Amino acid sequence: MFLRHLIRYMRWLTAGIVTCMFSPYAAHGAPVRQRNFVGCPADGQTGPIAPPDHLSTNFSTPRTLPAGLTIYAAEDIAAVAPAGWHCLEMYGSSGSFLLLQPQPIPSSAIISDFRLTGPAIQVSSINGETSGRFAVAGIIARLFPAHQAFVDKVIHEGIEPATDFPRGPYPADQMTRVSPQEWRYTTPAHATGLGTQSRLAPNSDPVSGIVKLDSDMGVFEIQVRLGPADSKQTPDVISLIYELNRRAAE
């Protein structure tokens, strides 16, 4: 619905490039308290926005977190990642994109081709009603053929050629269809696929994630690459991120 996207966009206009860190906590399945939360700074269309000092009620807060994980959130998008990581939200008319990695994320990331080359997470909410429609059309062309009319409409604008919207999944991706509007996948190591059509550059580790198309032709995406040491936590991390952002994904 347009009103929901408008509300999100107004939050972007009111959400500093700094980086943030947090120390691990020890207890397994510890209750989610303020000490398990890191506010993420944002930057984008209207400039820097300071990190929030608490988790917004817009998110569906998990009752517990596995040991060593922390919630990272900006005003309108959130993630779960290993404690001690850094985060930055990039926002604009196309949507909201939360980046996380163990190293600080440079302020130039929002205006450059900066890629996340090691362990990393990206969570994206892409608006199909604005400039995000090109990215949404590319995803629909690959995964949601029932909505090809949306792709054809974008191509008909004449801004990007039809060749920019190839049909069918990436050959290397391992795909599982969850529902008519949702896919889960893994992009293998060193491969090009849904996992690396993001700020995550291909490397020697796979990228796993979710792509969900909503009723407003917006797309919610999660891309997770934790690296060999933490790879067993990947399913939990993906599920927790999805639950946190459930309202955005619906």
Protein backbone atom coordinates (compact mmCIF):
# COMPACT_ATOMS: atom_id res chain seq x y z
CA MET A 1 0.00 0.00 0.00
CA PHE A 2 1.24 3.45 -0.91
CA LEU A 3 0.55 4.90 2.54
CA ARG A 4 2.82 2.33 4.17
CA HIS A 5 5.66 3.20 1.77
CA LEU A 6 5.08 6.91 2.39
CA ILE A 7 5.37 6.37 6.14
CA ARG A 8 8.61 4.44 5.64
CA TYR A 9 9.99 7.17 3.43
CA MET A 10 9.19 9.86 5.95
CA ARG A 11 11.10 7.84 8.52
CA TRP A 12 14.11 7.83 6.20
CA LEU A 13 13.89 11.62 6.08
CA THR A 14 14.01 11.78 9.88
CA ALA A 15 16.58 8.66 10.49
CA GLY A 16 25.28 10.08 10.82
CA ILE A 17 27.78 8.36 9.40
CA VAL A 18 29.48 6.79 12.38
CA THR A 19 30.04 3.12 12.96
CA CYS A 20 28.89 1.11 15.88
CA MET A 21 30.21 -1.75 17.93
CA PHE A 22 28.92 -3.92 20.73
CA SER A 23 30.50 -6.46 23.02
CA PRO A 24 29.34 -10.09 23.06
CA TYR A 25 27.09 -11.26 25.86
CA ALA A 26 27.61 -14.58 27.53
CA ALA A 27 24.28 -16.21 28.39
CA HIS A 28 22.77 -18.60 25.87
CA GLY A 29 19.23 -17.59 24.94
CA ALA A 30 19.55 -14.34 26.93
CA PRO A 31 16.43 -12.12 27.07
CA VAL A 32 16.59 -9.23 24.61
CA ARG A 33 17.42 -6.11 26.60
CA GLN A 34 19.00 -2.78 25.74
CA ARG A 35 22.44 -4.32 26.12
CA ASN A 36 21.63 -6.65 23.19
CA PHE A 37 20.86 -3.71 20.90
CA VAL A 38 23.05 -1.50 18.69
CA GLY A 39 21.61 1.51 16.92
CA CYS A 40 22.77 1.92 13.32
CA PRO A 41 23.51 5.32 11.79
CA ALA A 42 21.99 6.14 8.42
CA ASP A 43 22.90 8.31 5.47
CA GLY A 44 21.30 8.96 2.13
CA GLN A 45 19.02 11.27 0.21
CA THR A 46 18.63 13.95 2.86
CA GLY A 47 21.88 13.45 4.77
CA PRO A 48 23.13 11.71 7.92
CA ILE A 49 20.76 10.46 10.60
CA ALA A 50 21.95 9.59 14.10
CA PRO A 51 21.53 6.01 15.31
CA PRO A 52 18.46 5.28 17.45
CA ASP A 53 19.08 4.65 21.15
CA HIS A 54 16.45 1.91 21.42
CA LEU A 55 14.72 -0.67 19.27
CA SER A 56 11.59 0.73 17.66
CA THR A 57 8.24 -0.90 18.34
CA ASN A 58 7.94 -1.25 14.55
CA PHE A 59 10.01 -4.42 14.89
CA SER A 60 8.89 -7.81 16.17
CA THR A 61 11.40 -8.30 18.97
CA PRO A 62 12.50 -11.90 19.62
CA ARG A 63 12.14 -13.08 23.20
CA THR A 64 15.62 -14.61 23.16
CA LEU A 65 18.80 -14.48 21.12
CA PRO A 66 21.37 -17.23 20.68
CA ALA A 67 24.62 -16.53 22.50
CA GLY A 68 26.95 -14.18 20.68
CA LEU A 69 24.30 -12.45 18.55
CA THR A 70 23.07 -8.86 18.79
CA ILE A 71 20.23 -6.86 17.25
CA TYR A 72 21.33 -3.99 15.01
CA ALA A 73 18.69 -1.52 13.84
CA ALA A 74 18.11 1.83 12.22
CA GLU A 75 14.70 3.48 12.36
CA ASP A 76 12.99 1.30 9.77
CA ILE A 77 15.15 -1.77 9.12
CA ALA A 78 16.94 -4.20 11.43
CA ALA A 79 19.21 -7.23 11.51
CA VAL A 80 20.70 -9.83 13.81
CA ALA A 81 24.46 -10.37 13.51
CA PRO A 82 27.44 -11.46 15.61
CA ALA A 83 28.25 -9.10 18.45
CA GLY A 84 30.96 -6.55 17.70
CA TRP A 85 30.00 -5.93 14.07
CA HIS A 86 29.53 -2.50 12.49
CA CYS A 87 26.41 -1.29 10.68
CA LEU A 88 25.20 1.44 8.36
CA GLU A 89 21.82 2.09 6.74
CA MET A 90 21.71 3.63 3.27
CA TYR A 91 18.35 5.12 2.32
CA GLY A 92 16.66 7.00 -0.49
CA SER A 93 13.65 6.96 -2.77
CA SER A 94 14.52 3.44 -3.96
CA GLY A 95 14.36 1.96 -0.48
CA SER A 96 16.36 1.21 2.65
CA PHE A 97 19.49 -0.96 2.81
CA LEU A 98 21.22 -2.06 6.02
CA LEU A 99 24.85 -3.20 5.72
CA LEU A 100 26.76 -5.06 8.43
CA GLN A 101 30.28 -6.44 8.66
CA PRO A 102 33.02 -6.98 11.27
CA GLN A 103 35.03 -3.97 10.05
CA PRO A 104 33.98 -0.31 10.09
CA ILE A 105 31.95 0.70 7.02
CA PRO A 106 33.44 3.82 5.39
CA SER A 107 31.30 6.92 4.98
CA SER A 108 32.03 6.80 1.24
CA ALA A 109 29.97 3.60 0.94
CA ILE A 110 26.80 5.51 0.06
CA ILE A 111 28.35 7.24 -2.97
CA SER A 112 30.73 4.56 -4.23
CA ASP A 113 30.80 0.99 -5.49
CA PHE A 114 31.93 -0.19 -2.05
CA ARG A 115 31.55 -3.97 -1.68
CA LEU A 116 31.52 -6.18 1.38
CA THR A 117 34.29 -8.68 0.66
CA GLY A 118 34.28 -10.80 3.84
CA PRO A 119 31.62 -11.92 6.31
CA ALA A 120 28.65 -9.58 5.84
CA ILE A 121 24.90 -9.12 5.93
CA GLN A 122 22.62 -6.95 3.83
CA VAL A 123 18.94 -6.40 4.57
CA SER A 124 16.96 -4.49 1.94
CA SER A 125 13.47 -3.06 1.62
CA ILE A 126 13.04 -1.95 -2.01
CA ASN A 127 10.15 0.26 -3.08
CA GLY A 128 8.58 -0.82 -6.36
CA GLU A 129 6.61 2.42 -6.69
CA THR A 130 9.64 4.75 -6.98
CA SER A 131 13.17 4.52 -8.40
CA GLY A 132 13.41 1.09 -6.79
CA ARG A 133 11.12 -0.25 -9.51
CA PHE A 134 14.10 -1.14 -11.72
CA ALA A 135 15.64 -3.40 -9.08
CA VAL A 136 12.22 -4.86 -8.29
CA ALA A 137 11.57 -5.54 -11.98
CA GLY A 138 14.89 -7.37 -12.24
CA ILE A 139 13.96 -9.61 -9.33
CA ILE A 140 10.44 -10.26 -10.63
CA ALA A 141 11.81 -11.20 -14.05
CA ARG A 142 14.01 -13.86 -12.45
CA LEU A 143 11.73 -15.23 -9.74
CA PHE A 144 8.09 -14.19 -10.09
CA PRO A 145 6.91 -14.72 -13.70
CA ALA A 146 3.26 -14.33 -12.68
CA HIS A 147 4.01 -10.61 -12.32
CA GLN A 148 5.80 -10.19 -15.67
CA ALA A 149 3.39 -7.36 -16.51
CA PHE A 150 5.21 -5.20 -13.95
CA VAL A 151 8.51 -5.89 -15.73
CA ASP A 152 7.00 -5.11 -19.13
CA LYS A 153 5.67 -1.81 -17.81
CA VAL A 154 9.13 -0.81 -16.55
CA ILE A 155 10.75 -1.81 -19.85
CA HIS A 156 8.12 0.21 -21.74
CA GLU A 157 9.32 3.36 -19.98
CA GLY A 158 12.38 3.17 -22.24
CA ILE A 159 14.86 4.05 -19.50
CA GLU A 160 16.50 0.60 -19.29
CA PRO A 161 16.54 -1.98 -22.12
CA ALA A 162 14.79 -5.32 -21.95
CA THR A 163 18.21 -7.02 -21.87
CA ASP A 164 18.65 -5.63 -18.33
CA PHE A 165 15.81 -7.89 -17.12
CA PRO A 166 16.77 -11.51 -17.93
CA ARG A 167 14.23 -14.18 -17.06
CA GLY A 168 14.80 -17.18 -14.84
CA PRO A 169 16.96 -17.83 -11.75
CA TYR A 170 20.73 -17.51 -11.80
CA PRO A 171 22.12 -20.87 -12.98
CA ALA A 172 24.33 -21.43 -9.94
CA ASP A 173 21.78 -20.54 -7.27
CA GLN A 174 20.24 -23.30 -5.16
CA MET A 175 16.58 -22.27 -4.92
CA THR A 176 13.71 -23.32 -2.65
CA ARG A 177 10.24 -21.86 -3.18
CA VAL A 178 8.54 -21.16 0.14
CA SER A 179 5.34 -19.63 -1.29
CA PRO A 180 4.19 -17.97 -4.53
CA GLN A 181 5.72 -14.73 -3.21
CA GLU A 182 8.85 -15.98 -1.43
CA TRP A 183 12.09 -17.81 -2.26
CA ARG A 184 14.98 -18.99 -0.11
CA TYR A 185 18.32 -19.61 -1.77
CA THR A 186 22.06 -20.11 -1.51
CA THR A 187 24.54 -18.58 -3.94
CA PRO A 188 27.63 -20.84 -3.93
CA ALA A 189 31.18 -19.61 -3.31
CA HIS A 190 32.74 -17.58 -6.14
CA ALA A 191 29.40 -17.51 -7.99
CA THR A 192 27.19 -14.73 -9.31
CA GLY A 193 23.64 -14.95 -8.05
CA LEU A 194 20.98 -13.41 -5.86
CA GLY A 195 23.41 -13.36 -2.93
CA THR A 196 25.97 -11.26 -4.78
CA GLN A 197 23.52 -8.99 -6.60
CA SER A 198 24.02 -6.74 -3.58
CA ARG A 199 26.92 -5.09 -1.78
CA LEU A 200 28.29 -8.58 -1.00
CA ALA A 201 31.08 -9.39 -3.45
CA PRO A 202 31.68 -13.04 -4.39
CA ASN A 203 34.34 -14.81 -2.33
CA SER A 204 35.20 -18.29 -1.05
CA ASP A 205 32.05 -18.56 1.10
CA PRO A 206 28.40 -18.99 0.03
CA VAL A 207 25.67 -16.40 0.56
CA SER A 208 22.24 -17.51 1.78
CA GLY A 209 19.08 -15.49 1.93
CA ILE A 210 15.42 -14.74 1.31
CA VAL A 211 13.58 -12.78 -1.36
CA LYS A 212 9.95 -11.84 -0.75
CA LEU A 213 7.63 -9.89 -3.03
CA ASP A 214 4.84 -7.99 -1.28
CA SER A 215 1.40 -7.04 -2.55
CA ASP A 216 2.59 -3.51 -3.41
CA MET A 217 5.34 -4.86 -5.69
CA GLY A 218 7.98 -4.04 -3.11
CA VAL A 219 10.77 -6.51 -2.35
CA PHE A 220 12.24 -7.50 1.00
CA GLU A 221 15.64 -9.22 0.83
CA ILE A 222 18.10 -10.78 3.27
CA GLN A 223 21.63 -11.77 2.26
CA VAL A 224 23.85 -13.46 4.85
CA ARG A 225 27.49 -14.61 4.69
CA LEU A 226 28.91 -15.29 8.15
CA GLY A 227 32.14 -17.00 7.17
CA PRO A 228 33.41 -20.46 8.18
CA ALA A 229 33.65 -19.77 11.94
CA ASP A 230 29.98 -18.77 12.29
CA SER A 231 28.38 -20.48 9.29
CA LYS A 232 26.33 -22.87 11.48
CA GLN A 233 24.39 -19.87 12.76
CA THR A 234 23.28 -18.81 9.28
CA PRO A 235 19.77 -20.38 9.42
CA ASP A 236 19.10 -18.85 12.85
CA VAL A 237 20.35 -15.44 11.75
CA ILE A 238 18.18 -15.45 8.62
CA SER A 239 15.09 -16.50 10.58
CA LEU A 240 15.68 -13.88 13.29
CA ILE A 241 16.19 -11.10 10.73
CA TYR A 242 13.00 -12.12 8.97
CA GLU A 243 11.02 -12.11 12.21
CA LEU A 244 12.42 -8.73 13.26
CA ASN A 245 11.33 -7.18 9.97
CA ARG A 246 8.11 -9.15 9.59
CA ARG A 247 5.95 -6.04 9.19
CA ALA A 248 8.24 -4.73 6.41
CA ALA A 249 8.21 -8.11 4.69
CA GLU A 250 4.42 -8.39 4.59
